[in-house]
Amino acid sequence: MLNLEWLTQEQEFTHHQVMMDAKKLNREQLLQIFESVHQQYQIQHRLFSRLASWCARNGTELPSFAELLKPKTTDHPVSEA
């Protein structure tokens, strides 16, 4: 089981919804989803590894894992209408 303290309340809620929907699927449907998620994980891991390698080659320091994994908020500019 994963540590949920990295998730926001909204993420916990949507995770719960996804898990409730997943319980309704048959084995083949779950395997298709698992295959897709696993491939996405592999791509994400490779991208992070390439980023770390680039930073090492170029003398750029990566932020800490705590900084990279903490929930982010986005401030959108206010448009003048």
Protein backbone atom coordinates (compact mmCIF):
# COMPACT_ATOMS: atom_id res chain seq x y z
CA MET A 1 0.00 0.00 0.00
CA LEU A 2 1.24 3.49 -0.85
CA ASN A 3 1.78 6.26 1.66
CA LEU A 4 -1.12 8.67 1.14
CA GLU A 5 0.46 11.61 2.99
CA TRP A 6 1.87 12.79 -0.37
CA LEU A 7 -1.67 13.22 -1.73
CA THR A 8 -3.90 16.23 -1.35
CA GLN A 9 -7.48 15.73 -0.17
CA GLU A 10 -8.68 16.10 -3.75
CA GLN A 11 -6.22 13.43 -4.92
CA GLU A 12 -7.30 11.08 -2.12
CA PHE A 13 -10.93 11.59 -3.14
CA THR A 14 -10.31 10.92 -6.83
CA HIS A 15 -8.14 7.91 -5.92
CA HIS A 16 -11.05 6.52 -3.90
CA GLN A 17 -13.41 7.09 -6.85
CA VAL A 18 -11.03 5.32 -9.24
CA MET A 19 -10.69 2.36 -6.87
CA MET A 20 -14.48 2.06 -6.53
CA ASP A 21 -14.81 2.05 -10.34
CA ALA A 22 -11.97 -0.48 -10.67
CA LYS A 23 -13.83 -2.92 -8.42
CA LYS A 24 -16.54 -3.08 -11.11
CA LEU A 25 -14.11 -4.21 -13.86
CA ASN A 26 -13.31 -7.75 -14.91
CA ARG A 27 -9.80 -9.22 -14.98
CA GLU A 28 -9.11 -8.39 -18.66
CA GLN A 29 -10.20 -4.78 -18.23
CA LEU A 30 -7.97 -4.42 -15.15
CA LEU A 31 -5.00 -5.94 -17.01
CA GLN A 32 -5.43 -3.43 -19.85
CA ILE A 33 -5.41 -0.54 -17.37
CA PHE A 34 -2.44 -2.00 -15.48
CA GLU A 35 -0.48 -2.34 -18.72
CA SER A 36 -1.11 1.30 -19.62
CA VAL A 37 -0.24 2.59 -16.14
CA HIS A 38 2.94 0.50 -16.02
CA GLN A 39 4.09 1.83 -19.39
CA GLN A 40 3.42 5.40 -18.25
CA TYR A 41 5.43 4.73 -15.08
CA GLN A 42 8.35 3.46 -17.14
CA ILE A 43 8.25 6.56 -19.36
CA GLN A 44 8.08 8.85 -16.32
CA HIS A 45 11.03 7.07 -14.67
CA ARG A 46 13.10 7.34 -17.85
CA LEU A 47 12.30 11.04 -18.19
CA PHE A 48 13.38 11.70 -14.59
CA SER A 49 16.59 9.70 -15.10
CA ARG A 50 17.36 11.70 -18.25
CA LEU A 51 16.67 14.96 -16.40
CA ALA A 52 19.02 13.96 -13.57
CA SER A 53 21.72 12.99 -16.09
CA TRP A 54 21.34 16.31 -17.93
CA CYS A 55 21.60 18.25 -14.67
CA ALA A 56 24.74 16.31 -13.68
CA ARG A 57 26.38 16.99 -17.07
CA ASN A 58 25.51 20.69 -16.95
CA GLY A 59 26.30 21.37 -13.30
CA THR A 60 22.67 22.12 -12.44
CA GLU A 61 21.37 21.03 -9.06
CA LEU A 62 18.00 19.27 -8.89
CA PRO A 63 15.60 20.33 -6.14
CA SER A 64 15.15 17.89 -3.24
CA PHE A 65 12.58 15.09 -3.55
CA ALA A 66 10.49 16.83 -0.89
CA GLU A 67 10.38 19.93 -3.11
CA LEU A 68 9.65 17.93 -6.28
CA LEU A 69 6.87 15.87 -4.67
CA LYS A 70 5.07 18.51 -2.62
CA PRO A 71 1.66 19.61 -3.92
CA LYS A 72 1.85 22.61 -6.17
CA THR A 73 -0.61 25.45 -6.67
CA THR A 74 -0.82 27.61 -9.74
CA ASP A 75 -1.61 31.30 -9.60
CA HIS A 76 -3.33 32.33 -12.80
CA PRO A 77 -3.06 35.96 -13.86
CA VAL A 78 -6.20 38.01 -13.54
CA SER A 79 -7.42 39.21 -16.90
CA GLU A 80 -8.61 42.75 -17.19
CA ALA A 81 -11.96 42.82 -18.92
